[in-house]
């Protein structure tokens, strides 16, 4: 289907078999600068060791630029690089080929944010248990996106309205945030944490949840799904 799928290093099954204490980040960057015509989304999952930040593995799927990032990540794994090393890589840049911060850099930044405690995340596999426990789930997408599909039980407070609606949320309870792909939920998490809330955001967002948990298919083809 004109797509490229690539993997390097350990996948989750291998990491679990090796009894590694690992986590993962999901991101949906563009293959090159979004303002330059023809940018295509890349779905990127990066595994890392929680104690050291060492990159363990990655899986990518997209229409363009997958092999380029796969090569960089394969080299990083072979060299024993950490998330911090990924953030410092100086990779080839021009608008038709990449953004100033390449997807590989962005994976490093996301991992670093977790390791430094700037954000917390939860995964789609945890959603049923969280719902069973009566957690407070907040969808920070637009009302139109919420109407098209959302996690059952979630309340809708768009990220642009969040600061003015903090009084609707209970600071004594943990909050679990999500958006479409993770970008807006990251912003919401930073806003809420700065206002004294205990908050986590959904890795990969509703896009991944809908695909993996609900079997609704991926919105990979949508370059505006952020």
N, C-alpha and C. Protein backbone atom coordinates (compact mmCIF):
# COMPACT_ATOMS: atom_id res chain seq x y z
N UNK A 1 0.81 -1.21 0.00
CA UNK A 1 0.00 0.00 0.00
C UNK A 1 0.85 1.27 0.00
N UNK A 2 2.01 1.21 -0.66
CA UNK A 2 2.91 2.36 -0.76
C UNK A 2 3.47 2.79 0.59
N UNK A 3 3.41 1.92 1.58
CA UNK A 3 3.91 2.26 2.91
C UNK A 3 5.21 1.53 3.19
N UNK A 4 5.98 2.09 4.12
CA UNK A 4 7.21 1.45 4.58
C UNK A 4 7.07 1.13 6.06
N UNK A 5 7.41 -0.09 6.44
CA UNK A 5 7.39 -0.52 7.85
C UNK A 5 8.78 -0.97 8.21
N UNK A 6 9.29 -0.46 9.33
CA UNK A 6 10.64 -0.82 9.73
C UNK A 6 10.74 -1.04 11.24
N UNK A 7 11.70 -1.85 11.65
CA UNK A 7 11.94 -2.09 13.07
C UNK A 7 13.43 -2.31 13.30
N UNK A 8 13.89 -1.92 14.47
CA UNK A 8 15.28 -2.14 14.84
C UNK A 8 15.37 -2.35 16.34
N UNK A 9 16.35 -3.10 16.78
CA UNK A 9 16.51 -3.34 18.21
C UNK A 9 15.42 -4.24 18.77
N UNK A 10 15.13 -4.07 20.05
CA UNK A 10 14.16 -4.92 20.74
C UNK A 10 12.74 -4.43 20.54
N UNK A 11 11.81 -5.37 20.38
CA UNK A 11 10.40 -5.03 20.50
C UNK A 11 9.96 -5.32 21.94
N UNK A 12 8.70 -5.11 22.24
CA UNK A 12 8.26 -5.27 23.64
C UNK A 12 8.38 -6.71 24.12
N UNK A 13 8.06 -7.67 23.26
CA UNK A 13 8.16 -9.07 23.65
C UNK A 13 9.59 -9.43 24.03
N UNK A 14 10.55 -8.95 23.25
CA UNK A 14 11.96 -9.23 23.53
C UNK A 14 12.42 -8.53 24.80
N UNK A 15 11.96 -7.29 25.00
CA UNK A 15 12.32 -6.54 26.21
C UNK A 15 11.77 -7.22 27.46
N UNK A 16 10.55 -7.74 27.35
CA UNK A 16 9.95 -8.45 28.48
C UNK A 16 10.67 -9.76 28.75
N UNK A 17 11.02 -10.47 27.69
CA UNK A 17 11.74 -11.74 27.84
C UNK A 17 13.11 -11.53 28.49
N UNK A 18 13.73 -10.38 28.21
CA UNK A 18 15.03 -10.05 28.79
C UNK A 18 14.90 -9.46 30.19
N UNK A 19 13.64 -9.35 30.68
CA UNK A 19 13.35 -8.80 32.01
C UNK A 19 13.92 -7.39 32.18
N UNK A 20 13.82 -6.60 31.14
CA UNK A 20 14.28 -5.21 31.20
C UNK A 20 13.18 -4.31 31.75
N UNK A 21 13.56 -3.33 32.53
CA UNK A 21 12.62 -2.35 33.04
C UNK A 21 12.54 -1.23 32.01
N UNK A 22 11.55 -1.31 31.12
CA UNK A 22 11.50 -0.42 29.98
C UNK A 22 10.17 0.34 29.93
N UNK A 23 10.14 1.35 29.12
CA UNK A 23 8.91 2.04 28.78
C UNK A 23 9.03 2.43 27.31
N UNK A 24 8.00 3.12 26.78
CA UNK A 24 8.01 3.47 25.36
C UNK A 24 7.31 4.80 25.16
N UNK A 25 7.66 5.46 24.08
CA UNK A 25 6.96 6.68 23.69
C UNK A 25 6.46 6.52 22.26
N UNK A 26 5.28 7.08 22.01
CA UNK A 26 4.70 7.08 20.68
C UNK A 26 4.66 8.52 20.17
N UNK A 27 5.00 8.72 18.93
CA UNK A 27 4.85 10.03 18.33
C UNK A 27 4.45 9.91 16.87
N UNK A 28 3.88 10.98 16.35
CA UNK A 28 3.39 11.01 14.97
C UNK A 28 3.96 12.24 14.27
N UNK A 29 5.26 12.28 14.04
CA UNK A 29 5.87 13.44 13.39
C UNK A 29 5.65 13.40 11.88
N UNK A 30 5.94 14.53 11.24
CA UNK A 30 5.89 14.59 9.78
C UNK A 30 7.24 14.20 9.20
N UNK A 31 7.22 13.65 8.00
CA UNK A 31 8.45 13.20 7.35
C UNK A 31 9.39 14.35 7.04
N UNK A 32 8.81 15.55 6.81
CA UNK A 32 9.63 16.75 6.67
C UNK A 32 8.82 17.94 7.17
N UNK A 33 9.38 19.13 7.08
CA UNK A 33 8.71 20.32 7.61
C UNK A 33 7.28 20.44 7.09
N UNK A 34 6.34 20.64 8.02
CA UNK A 34 4.93 20.62 7.67
C UNK A 34 4.52 21.72 6.71
N UNK A 35 5.25 22.84 6.71
CA UNK A 35 4.89 23.94 5.81
C UNK A 35 5.37 23.72 4.38
N UNK A 36 6.20 22.68 4.18
CA UNK A 36 6.68 22.37 2.84
C UNK A 36 5.77 21.29 2.25
N UNK A 37 5.31 21.43 1.01
CA UNK A 37 4.35 20.48 0.44
C UNK A 37 4.83 19.03 0.46
N UNK A 38 3.86 18.14 0.68
CA UNK A 38 4.14 16.71 0.58
C UNK A 38 4.54 16.01 1.87
N UNK A 39 4.48 16.70 3.00
CA UNK A 39 4.84 16.06 4.27
C UNK A 39 3.87 14.93 4.58
N UNK A 40 4.40 13.81 5.02
CA UNK A 40 3.60 12.63 5.37
C UNK A 40 3.88 12.25 6.82
N UNK A 41 2.87 11.75 7.54
CA UNK A 41 3.09 11.35 8.94
C UNK A 41 3.88 10.06 9.05
N UNK A 42 4.68 9.96 10.10
CA UNK A 42 5.39 8.73 10.45
C UNK A 42 4.93 8.32 11.85
N UNK A 43 4.47 7.10 12.00
CA UNK A 43 4.11 6.58 13.31
C UNK A 43 5.34 5.90 13.89
N UNK A 44 5.82 6.43 15.03
CA UNK A 44 7.09 5.99 15.61
C UNK A 44 6.92 5.57 17.07
N UNK A 45 7.34 4.36 17.38
CA UNK A 45 7.33 3.84 18.75
C UNK A 45 8.78 3.58 19.14
N UNK A 46 9.22 4.18 20.24
CA UNK A 46 10.60 4.03 20.69
C UNK A 46 10.64 3.46 22.09
N UNK A 47 11.35 2.34 22.27
CA UNK A 47 11.51 1.71 23.58
C UNK A 47 12.80 2.18 24.23
N UNK A 48 12.76 2.36 25.55
CA UNK A 48 13.96 2.80 26.28
C UNK A 48 14.01 2.15 27.66
N UNK A 49 15.21 2.05 28.19
CA UNK A 49 15.41 1.52 29.54
C UNK A 49 15.18 2.63 30.55
N UNK A 50 14.29 2.39 31.52
CA UNK A 50 13.88 3.44 32.43
C UNK A 50 15.00 3.91 33.36
N UNK A 51 15.88 3.03 33.74
CA UNK A 51 16.91 3.40 34.70
C UNK A 51 18.04 4.22 34.08
N UNK A 52 18.27 4.05 32.79
CA UNK A 52 19.41 4.69 32.15
C UNK A 52 19.03 5.62 30.99
N UNK A 53 17.84 5.45 30.44
CA UNK A 53 17.45 6.20 29.26
C UNK A 53 18.00 5.61 27.97
N UNK A 54 18.66 4.45 28.08
CA UNK A 54 19.26 3.82 26.89
C UNK A 54 18.18 3.41 25.89
N UNK A 55 18.42 3.70 24.62
CA UNK A 55 17.47 3.34 23.57
C UNK A 55 17.57 1.84 23.31
N UNK A 56 16.42 1.16 23.34
CA UNK A 56 16.39 -0.30 23.21
C UNK A 56 15.87 -0.77 21.86
N UNK A 57 14.94 -0.04 21.29
CA UNK A 57 14.34 -0.50 20.04
C UNK A 57 13.38 0.53 19.50
N UNK A 58 12.96 0.33 18.26
CA UNK A 58 12.00 1.24 17.63
C UNK A 58 11.27 0.54 16.51
N UNK A 59 10.02 0.95 16.31
CA UNK A 59 9.22 0.48 15.19
C UNK A 59 8.60 1.70 14.52
N UNK A 60 8.63 1.73 13.20
CA UNK A 60 8.16 2.88 12.43
C UNK A 60 7.29 2.42 11.27
N UNK A 61 6.31 3.25 10.93
CA UNK A 61 5.50 2.99 9.75
C UNK A 61 5.11 4.33 9.14
N UNK A 62 5.19 4.43 7.83
CA UNK A 62 4.83 5.68 7.17
C UNK A 62 5.00 5.57 5.67
N UNK A 63 4.88 6.69 5.00
CA UNK A 63 4.96 6.72 3.53
C UNK A 63 6.29 7.26 3.04
N UNK A 64 6.97 8.05 3.86
CA UNK A 64 8.20 8.69 3.40
C UNK A 64 9.11 8.95 4.61
N UNK A 65 10.41 8.77 4.42
CA UNK A 65 11.36 9.09 5.47
C UNK A 65 11.53 8.07 6.56
N UNK A 66 10.87 6.91 6.44
CA UNK A 66 10.97 5.87 7.47
C UNK A 66 12.38 5.29 7.52
N UNK A 67 12.95 4.95 6.35
CA UNK A 67 14.26 4.31 6.31
C UNK A 67 15.34 5.22 6.89
N UNK A 68 15.21 6.52 6.65
CA UNK A 68 16.19 7.49 7.16
C UNK A 68 16.24 7.47 8.68
N UNK A 69 15.06 7.52 9.33
CA UNK A 69 15.03 7.51 10.80
C UNK A 69 15.41 6.14 11.36
N UNK A 70 15.03 5.10 10.64
CA UNK A 70 15.38 3.75 11.07
C UNK A 70 16.90 3.57 11.13
N UNK A 71 17.60 4.07 10.13
CA UNK A 71 19.07 3.97 10.11
C UNK A 71 19.69 4.70 11.30
N UNK A 72 19.18 5.90 11.60
CA UNK A 72 19.72 6.68 12.71
C UNK A 72 19.49 5.95 14.03
N UNK A 73 18.28 5.43 14.22
CA UNK A 73 17.96 4.74 15.47
C UNK A 73 18.73 3.43 15.60
N UNK A 74 18.93 2.71 14.50
CA UNK A 74 19.72 1.48 14.54
C UNK A 74 21.15 1.78 14.97
N UNK A 75 21.71 2.87 14.45
CA UNK A 75 23.06 3.27 14.82
C UNK A 75 23.12 3.67 16.29
N UNK A 76 22.10 4.39 16.75
CA UNK A 76 22.04 4.82 18.14
C UNK A 76 21.99 3.63 19.09
N UNK A 77 21.20 2.62 18.73
CA UNK A 77 21.10 1.42 19.57
C UNK A 77 22.44 0.68 19.62
N UNK A 78 23.07 0.52 18.46
CA UNK A 78 24.36 -0.18 18.39
C UNK A 78 25.40 0.55 19.23
N UNK A 79 25.34 1.88 19.24
CA UNK A 79 26.32 2.67 19.97
C UNK A 79 25.98 2.83 21.45
N UNK A 80 24.85 2.28 21.89
CA UNK A 80 24.46 2.38 23.29
C UNK A 80 24.02 3.77 23.69
N UNK A 81 23.48 4.53 22.75
CA UNK A 81 23.08 5.91 23.04
C UNK A 81 21.84 5.97 23.93
N UNK A 82 21.71 7.10 24.62
CA UNK A 82 20.57 7.35 25.49
C UNK A 82 19.64 8.38 24.85
N UNK A 83 18.51 8.61 25.52
CA UNK A 83 17.57 9.62 25.05
C UNK A 83 18.24 10.98 24.95
N UNK A 84 19.08 11.30 25.93
CA UNK A 84 19.78 12.58 25.89
C UNK A 84 20.66 12.69 24.65
N UNK A 85 21.30 11.60 24.29
CA UNK A 85 22.12 11.60 23.07
C UNK A 85 21.26 11.89 21.84
N UNK A 86 20.05 11.34 21.80
CA UNK A 86 19.17 11.58 20.65
C UNK A 86 18.83 13.06 20.53
N UNK A 87 18.63 13.73 21.66
CA UNK A 87 18.27 15.15 21.61
C UNK A 87 19.40 16.00 21.06
N UNK A 88 20.64 15.51 21.17
CA UNK A 88 21.81 16.30 20.78
C UNK A 88 22.29 16.00 19.36
N UNK A 89 21.68 15.03 18.69
CA UNK A 89 22.13 14.67 17.34
C UNK A 89 21.90 15.82 16.35
N UNK A 90 22.92 16.12 15.57
CA UNK A 90 22.82 17.14 14.52
C UNK A 90 22.62 16.40 13.19
N UNK A 91 21.37 16.35 12.75
CA UNK A 91 21.01 15.59 11.56
C UNK A 91 20.76 16.52 10.38
N UNK A 92 20.89 15.98 9.18
CA UNK A 92 20.72 16.79 7.98
C UNK A 92 19.36 17.46 7.94
N UNK A 93 19.36 18.77 7.65
CA UNK A 93 18.11 19.51 7.66
C UNK A 93 17.96 20.41 6.43
N UNK A 94 16.82 20.32 5.82
CA UNK A 94 16.28 21.29 4.87
C UNK A 94 14.79 20.98 4.81
N UNK A 95 13.93 21.97 4.62
CA UNK A 95 12.47 21.74 4.68
C UNK A 95 11.95 20.57 3.87
N UNK A 96 12.50 20.26 2.67
CA UNK A 96 11.97 19.12 1.92
C UNK A 96 12.34 17.76 2.52
N UNK A 97 13.29 17.76 3.48
CA UNK A 97 13.81 16.49 3.98
C UNK A 97 13.55 16.25 5.47
N UNK A 98 13.43 17.29 6.26
CA UNK A 98 13.20 17.13 7.69
C UNK A 98 12.81 18.46 8.30
N UNK A 99 12.40 18.42 9.56
CA UNK A 99 12.22 19.64 10.34
C UNK A 99 13.53 19.93 11.07
N UNK A 100 13.64 21.14 11.60
CA UNK A 100 14.87 21.50 12.32
C UNK A 100 15.10 20.54 13.49
N UNK A 101 14.01 20.13 14.14
CA UNK A 101 14.08 19.07 15.14
C UNK A 101 13.51 17.81 14.49
N UNK A 102 14.41 16.92 14.15
CA UNK A 102 14.03 15.69 13.45
C UNK A 102 13.17 14.80 14.36
N UNK A 103 12.34 13.93 13.79
CA UNK A 103 11.59 12.97 14.61
C UNK A 103 12.45 12.19 15.59
N UNK A 104 13.69 11.87 15.22
CA UNK A 104 14.58 11.17 16.15
C UNK A 104 14.90 12.06 17.34
N UNK A 105 15.15 13.35 17.11
CA UNK A 105 15.35 14.29 18.21
C UNK A 105 14.12 14.34 19.10
N UNK A 106 12.94 14.40 18.48
CA UNK A 106 11.70 14.52 19.24
C UNK A 106 11.45 13.30 20.12
N UNK A 107 11.80 12.10 19.63
CA UNK A 107 11.68 10.90 20.47
C UNK A 107 12.56 11.05 21.70
N UNK A 108 13.77 11.57 21.51
CA UNK A 108 14.67 11.79 22.64
C UNK A 108 14.10 12.78 23.64
N UNK A 109 13.53 13.89 23.15
CA UNK A 109 12.94 14.88 24.04
C UNK A 109 11.79 14.29 24.85
N UNK A 110 10.95 13.49 24.20
CA UNK A 110 9.81 12.89 24.89
C UNK A 110 10.26 11.93 25.99
N UNK A 111 11.26 11.12 25.69
CA UNK A 111 11.79 10.20 26.70
C UNK A 111 12.41 10.99 27.85
N UNK A 112 13.17 12.01 27.51
CA UNK A 112 13.82 12.83 28.52
C UNK A 112 12.80 13.49 29.45
N UNK A 113 11.69 13.95 28.91
CA UNK A 113 10.64 14.54 29.74
C UNK A 113 10.11 13.56 30.77
N UNK A 114 9.96 12.30 30.35
CA UNK A 114 9.50 11.27 31.28
C UNK A 114 10.55 10.97 32.35
N UNK A 115 11.79 10.81 31.93
CA UNK A 115 12.86 10.47 32.87
C UNK A 115 13.09 11.58 33.88
N UNK A 116 12.90 12.83 33.48
CA UNK A 116 13.11 13.97 34.37
C UNK A 116 11.86 14.32 35.18
N UNK A 117 10.78 13.56 34.99
CA UNK A 117 9.57 13.79 35.76
C UNK A 117 8.76 15.01 35.35
N UNK A 118 9.04 15.55 34.16
CA UNK A 118 8.28 16.71 33.70
C UNK A 118 6.86 16.32 33.33
N UNK A 119 6.67 15.10 32.86
CA UNK A 119 5.35 14.57 32.54
C UNK A 119 5.27 13.11 32.98
N UNK A 120 4.04 12.64 33.15
CA UNK A 120 3.78 11.23 33.40
C UNK A 120 2.84 10.75 32.30
N UNK A 121 2.91 9.46 31.98
CA UNK A 121 2.04 8.94 30.94
C UNK A 121 1.41 7.62 31.37
N UNK A 122 0.34 7.28 30.70
CA UNK A 122 -0.27 5.96 30.85
C UNK A 122 -0.52 5.41 29.45
N UNK A 123 -0.76 4.10 29.35
CA UNK A 123 -0.88 3.46 28.05
C UNK A 123 -2.31 2.95 27.82
N UNK A 124 -2.63 2.72 26.56
CA UNK A 124 -3.99 2.33 26.20
C UNK A 124 -4.42 1.04 26.89
N UNK A 125 -3.46 0.15 27.18
CA UNK A 125 -3.80 -1.10 27.85
C UNK A 125 -4.31 -0.88 29.28
N UNK A 126 -3.98 0.26 29.88
CA UNK A 126 -4.38 0.55 31.25
C UNK A 126 -5.76 1.18 31.35
N UNK A 127 -6.33 1.62 30.23
CA UNK A 127 -7.59 2.37 30.26
C UNK A 127 -8.73 1.57 30.90
N UNK A 128 -8.96 0.29 30.56
CA UNK A 128 -10.07 -0.43 31.20
C UNK A 128 -9.97 -0.46 32.73
N UNK A 129 -8.77 -0.68 33.26
CA UNK A 129 -8.60 -0.72 34.70
C UNK A 129 -8.85 0.65 35.33
N UNK A 130 -8.36 1.69 34.67
CA UNK A 130 -8.57 3.05 35.19
C UNK A 130 -10.06 3.40 35.22
N UNK A 131 -10.78 3.01 34.17
CA UNK A 131 -12.21 3.26 34.14
C UNK A 131 -12.93 2.48 35.23
N UNK A 132 -12.49 1.25 35.45
CA UNK A 132 -13.10 0.43 36.51
C UNK A 132 -12.89 1.04 37.88
N UNK A 133 -11.78 1.75 38.04
CA UNK A 133 -11.48 2.40 39.31
C UNK A 133 -12.14 3.76 39.46
N UNK A 134 -12.88 4.17 38.43
CA UNK A 134 -13.59 5.44 38.50
C UNK A 134 -12.70 6.66 38.36
N UNK A 135 -11.65 6.55 37.55
CA UNK A 135 -10.72 7.66 37.39
C UNK A 135 -11.38 8.84 36.67
N UNK A 136 -10.76 10.01 36.79
CA UNK A 136 -11.22 11.20 36.07
C UNK A 136 -10.44 11.29 34.76
N UNK A 137 -11.15 11.09 33.66
CA UNK A 137 -10.55 11.07 32.34
C UNK A 137 -10.98 12.34 31.60
N UNK A 138 -10.01 13.08 31.08
CA UNK A 138 -10.31 14.36 30.42
C UNK A 138 -9.84 14.33 28.98
N UNK A 139 -10.76 14.59 28.06
CA UNK A 139 -10.48 14.69 26.63
C UNK A 139 -10.26 16.16 26.30
N UNK A 140 -9.04 16.53 25.88
CA UNK A 140 -8.73 17.95 25.64
C UNK A 140 -8.81 18.32 24.16
N UNK A 141 -9.46 17.50 23.35
CA UNK A 141 -9.68 17.82 21.95
C UNK A 141 -10.88 18.77 21.81
N UNK A 142 -11.18 19.14 20.59
CA UNK A 142 -12.32 20.02 20.34
C UNK A 142 -13.62 19.25 20.53
N UNK A 143 -14.74 19.96 20.78
CA UNK A 143 -16.04 19.28 20.89
C UNK A 143 -16.39 18.46 19.66
N UNK A 144 -16.00 18.94 18.47
CA UNK A 144 -16.29 18.19 17.24
C UNK A 144 -15.56 16.86 17.23
N UNK A 145 -14.28 16.87 17.63
CA UNK A 145 -13.52 15.62 17.70
C UNK A 145 -14.11 14.68 18.74
N UNK A 146 -14.50 15.23 19.86
CA UNK A 146 -15.10 14.44 20.95
C UNK A 146 -16.38 13.75 20.48
N UNK A 147 -17.19 14.48 19.72
CA UNK A 147 -18.45 13.92 19.22
C UNK A 147 -18.21 12.77 18.25
N UNK A 148 -17.15 12.85 17.46
CA UNK A 148 -16.85 11.80 16.49
C UNK A 148 -16.41 10.50 17.14
N UNK A 149 -15.92 10.57 18.37
CA UNK A 149 -15.48 9.37 19.08
C UNK A 149 -14.64 9.74 20.27
N UNK A 150 -14.89 9.09 21.41
CA UNK A 150 -14.11 9.38 22.61
C UNK A 150 -14.13 8.16 23.53
N UNK A 151 -13.28 8.19 24.53
CA UNK A 151 -13.26 7.10 25.52
C UNK A 151 -14.47 7.28 26.44
N UNK A 152 -15.23 6.24 26.61
CA UNK A 152 -16.45 6.29 27.41
C UNK A 152 -16.15 6.79 28.82
N UNK A 153 -16.91 7.77 29.25
CA UNK A 153 -16.74 8.30 30.60
C UNK A 153 -15.85 9.54 30.67
N UNK A 154 -15.20 9.90 29.57
CA UNK A 154 -14.32 11.06 29.57
C UNK A 154 -15.13 12.34 29.49
N UNK A 155 -14.66 13.37 30.19
CA UNK A 155 -15.27 14.68 30.08
C UNK A 155 -14.46 15.50 29.07
N UNK A 156 -15.10 16.41 28.39
CA UNK A 156 -14.45 17.18 27.32
C UNK A 156 -14.18 18.62 27.77
N UNK A 157 -12.90 18.95 27.91
CA UNK A 157 -12.47 20.32 28.17
C UNK A 157 -11.35 20.62 27.18
N UNK A 158 -11.62 21.32 26.08
CA UNK A 158 -10.59 21.61 25.09
C UNK A 158 -9.38 22.30 25.72
N UNK A 159 -8.20 21.99 25.23
CA UNK A 159 -6.98 22.54 25.83
C UNK A 159 -6.98 24.06 25.82
N UNK A 160 -7.60 24.68 24.81
CA UNK A 160 -7.63 26.13 24.73
C UNK A 160 -8.51 26.76 25.82
N UNK A 161 -9.38 25.95 26.43
CA UNK A 161 -10.26 26.45 27.50
C UNK A 161 -9.80 26.01 28.88
N UNK A 162 -8.74 25.24 28.93
CA UNK A 162 -8.35 24.56 30.17
C UNK A 162 -8.07 25.52 31.31
N UNK A 163 -7.28 26.57 31.04
CA UNK A 163 -6.91 27.49 32.11
C UNK A 163 -8.12 28.17 32.75
N UNK A 164 -9.14 28.43 31.96
CA UNK A 164 -10.33 29.11 32.48
C UNK A 164 -11.32 28.15 33.13
N UNK A 165 -11.06 26.84 33.02
CA UNK A 165 -12.01 25.86 33.56
C UNK A 165 -11.38 24.92 34.59
N UNK A 166 -10.27 25.36 35.17
CA UNK A 166 -9.59 24.52 36.17
C UNK A 166 -10.49 24.21 37.36
N UNK A 167 -11.42 25.13 37.66
CA UNK A 167 -12.31 24.93 38.80
C UNK A 167 -13.26 23.75 38.65
N UNK A 168 -13.39 23.22 37.43
CA UNK A 168 -14.26 22.07 37.20
C UNK A 168 -13.58 20.75 37.55
N UNK A 169 -12.28 20.80 37.86
CA UNK A 169 -11.51 19.59 38.14
C UNK A 169 -11.11 19.51 39.60
N UNK A 170 -11.05 18.29 40.11
CA UNK A 170 -10.75 18.03 41.53
C UNK A 170 -9.26 17.79 41.73
N UNK A 171 -8.61 18.69 42.49
CA UNK A 171 -7.17 18.55 42.72
C UNK A 171 -6.82 17.38 43.63
N UNK A 172 -7.80 16.82 44.32
CA UNK A 172 -7.51 15.72 45.25
C UNK A 172 -7.46 14.37 44.54
N UNK A 173 -7.82 14.34 43.25
CA UNK A 173 -7.83 13.09 42.50
C UNK A 173 -6.88 13.17 41.31
N UNK A 174 -6.21 12.06 40.99
CA UNK A 174 -5.36 12.04 39.79
C UNK A 174 -6.20 12.26 38.53
N UNK A 175 -5.64 12.97 37.58
CA UNK A 175 -6.30 13.20 36.31
C UNK A 175 -5.58 12.44 35.20
N UNK A 176 -6.35 11.93 34.25
CA UNK A 176 -5.80 11.21 33.11
C UNK A 176 -6.29 11.91 31.84
N UNK A 177 -5.34 12.49 31.11
CA UNK A 177 -5.63 13.35 29.98
C UNK A 177 -5.36 12.61 28.68
N UNK A 178 -6.10 12.97 27.62
CA UNK A 178 -5.74 12.48 26.29
C UNK A 178 -6.20 13.47 25.23
N UNK A 179 -5.53 13.41 24.07
CA UNK A 179 -5.95 14.17 22.89
C UNK A 179 -5.91 13.21 21.72
N UNK A 180 -5.68 13.69 20.51
CA UNK A 180 -5.68 12.80 19.36
C UNK A 180 -4.39 12.01 19.22
N UNK A 181 -3.25 12.68 19.38
CA UNK A 181 -1.98 11.97 19.19
C UNK A 181 -0.98 12.15 20.33
N UNK A 182 -1.22 13.10 21.23
CA UNK A 182 -0.32 13.31 22.36
C UNK A 182 0.23 14.71 22.48
N UNK A 183 0.14 15.50 21.42
CA UNK A 183 0.73 16.85 21.44
C UNK A 183 -0.06 17.79 22.35
N UNK A 184 -1.38 17.85 22.17
CA UNK A 184 -2.19 18.73 23.01
C UNK A 184 -2.28 18.22 24.44
N UNK A 185 -2.28 16.89 24.62
CA UNK A 185 -2.34 16.37 25.99
C UNK A 185 -1.06 16.67 26.75
N UNK A 186 0.07 16.75 26.03
CA UNK A 186 1.33 17.16 26.67
C UNK A 186 1.19 18.59 27.18
N UNK A 187 0.66 19.49 26.35
CA UNK A 187 0.46 20.88 26.76
C UNK A 187 -0.49 20.95 27.95
N UNK A 188 -1.58 20.17 27.89
CA UNK A 188 -2.55 20.16 28.98
C UNK A 188 -1.92 19.65 30.28
N UNK A 189 -1.10 18.63 30.14
CA UNK A 189 -0.42 18.07 31.31
C UNK A 189 0.48 19.10 31.97
N UNK A 190 1.21 19.86 31.18
CA UNK A 190 2.10 20.88 31.73
C UNK A 190 1.29 22.00 32.42
N UNK A 191 0.16 22.38 31.82
CA UNK A 191 -0.70 23.40 32.42
C UNK A 191 -1.24 22.91 33.76
N UNK A 192 -1.75 21.70 33.78
CA UNK A 192 -2.36 21.16 35.00
C UNK A 192 -1.33 20.91 36.09
N UNK A 193 -0.18 20.35 35.72
CA UNK A 193 0.87 20.11 36.70
C UNK A 193 1.34 21.43 37.32
N UNK A 194 1.42 22.47 36.49
CA UNK A 194 1.81 23.78 36.98
C UNK A 194 0.81 24.40 37.92
N UNK A 195 -0.42 23.89 37.89
CA UNK A 195 -1.47 24.38 38.78
C UNK A 195 -1.77 23.40 39.91
N UNK A 196 -0.86 22.47 40.14
CA UNK A 196 -0.95 21.62 41.32
C UNK A 196 -1.72 20.33 41.17
N UNK A 197 -2.02 19.91 39.93
CA UNK A 197 -2.74 18.66 39.72
C UNK A 197 -1.76 17.50 39.54
N UNK A 198 -2.20 16.31 39.96
CA UNK A 198 -1.48 15.07 39.69
C UNK A 198 -2.04 14.53 38.38
N UNK A 199 -1.24 14.59 37.31
CA UNK A 199 -1.81 14.36 35.98
C UNK A 199 -0.90 13.48 35.13
N UNK A 200 -1.51 12.62 34.32
CA UNK A 200 -0.80 11.78 33.36
C UNK A 200 -1.51 11.91 32.01
N UNK A 201 -0.75 11.74 30.92
CA UNK A 201 -1.40 11.79 29.61
C UNK A 201 -1.23 10.47 28.87
N UNK A 202 -2.15 10.22 27.93
CA UNK A 202 -2.22 8.95 27.22
C UNK A 202 -1.18 8.89 26.11
N UNK A 203 -0.25 7.97 26.21
CA UNK A 203 0.78 7.80 25.19
C UNK A 203 0.13 7.41 23.87
N UNK A 204 0.42 8.15 22.82
CA UNK A 204 -0.14 7.86 21.50
C UNK A 204 -1.52 8.41 21.27
N UNK A 205 -2.17 8.91 22.33
CA UNK A 205 -3.47 9.56 22.22
C UNK A 205 -4.61 8.66 21.78
N UNK A 206 -5.73 9.30 21.49
CA UNK A 206 -6.93 8.56 21.09
C UNK A 206 -6.73 7.82 19.77
N UNK A 207 -5.88 8.37 18.92
CA UNK A 207 -5.58 7.71 17.63
C UNK A 207 -5.10 6.28 17.86
N UNK A 208 -4.14 6.11 18.77
CA UNK A 208 -3.62 4.77 19.05
C UNK A 208 -4.65 3.94 19.81
N UNK A 209 -5.35 4.56 20.77
CA UNK A 209 -6.35 3.83 21.54
C UNK A 209 -7.45 3.29 20.62
N UNK A 210 -7.94 4.12 19.71
CA UNK A 210 -9.01 3.70 18.82
C UNK A 210 -8.56 2.55 17.92
N UNK A 211 -7.29 2.62 17.48
CA UNK A 211 -6.77 1.59 16.59
C UNK A 211 -6.51 0.28 17.33
N UNK A 212 -5.85 0.38 18.50
CA UNK A 212 -5.41 -0.82 19.22
C UNK A 212 -6.51 -1.43 20.08
N UNK A 213 -7.25 -0.59 20.80
CA UNK A 213 -8.24 -1.11 21.75
C UNK A 213 -9.61 -1.30 21.13
N UNK A 214 -9.97 -0.43 20.20
CA UNK A 214 -11.31 -0.49 19.63
C UNK A 214 -11.34 -1.07 18.23
N UNK A 215 -10.15 -1.24 17.61
CA UNK A 215 -10.09 -1.81 16.28
C UNK A 215 -10.74 -0.94 15.22
N UNK A 216 -10.65 0.39 15.40
CA UNK A 216 -11.28 1.31 14.46
C UNK A 216 -10.36 1.73 13.34
N UNK A 217 -9.14 1.21 13.32
CA UNK A 217 -8.21 1.58 12.27
C UNK A 217 -7.41 2.81 12.65
N UNK A 218 -6.34 3.04 11.92
CA UNK A 218 -5.44 4.14 12.21
C UNK A 218 -5.77 5.38 11.41
N UNK A 219 -5.53 6.55 12.01
CA UNK A 219 -5.67 7.81 11.28
C UNK A 219 -4.32 8.27 10.77
N UNK A 220 -3.44 7.33 10.48
CA UNK A 220 -2.08 7.65 10.02
C UNK A 220 -2.10 8.53 8.79
N UNK A 221 -3.10 8.34 7.94
CA UNK A 221 -3.12 9.09 6.69
C UNK A 221 -3.50 10.56 6.88
N UNK A 222 -3.91 10.94 8.08
CA UNK A 222 -4.33 12.31 8.32
C UNK A 222 -3.18 13.13 8.87
N UNK A 223 -2.69 14.08 8.08
CA UNK A 223 -1.55 14.89 8.50
C UNK A 223 -1.94 15.93 9.53
N UNK A 224 -3.25 16.11 9.77
CA UNK A 224 -3.69 17.11 10.75
C UNK A 224 -4.11 16.47 12.06
N UNK A 225 -3.90 15.16 12.21
CA UNK A 225 -4.33 14.47 13.43
C UNK A 225 -3.31 14.67 14.53
N UNK A 226 -3.41 15.78 15.22
CA UNK A 226 -2.50 16.10 16.31
C UNK A 226 -3.28 16.27 17.60
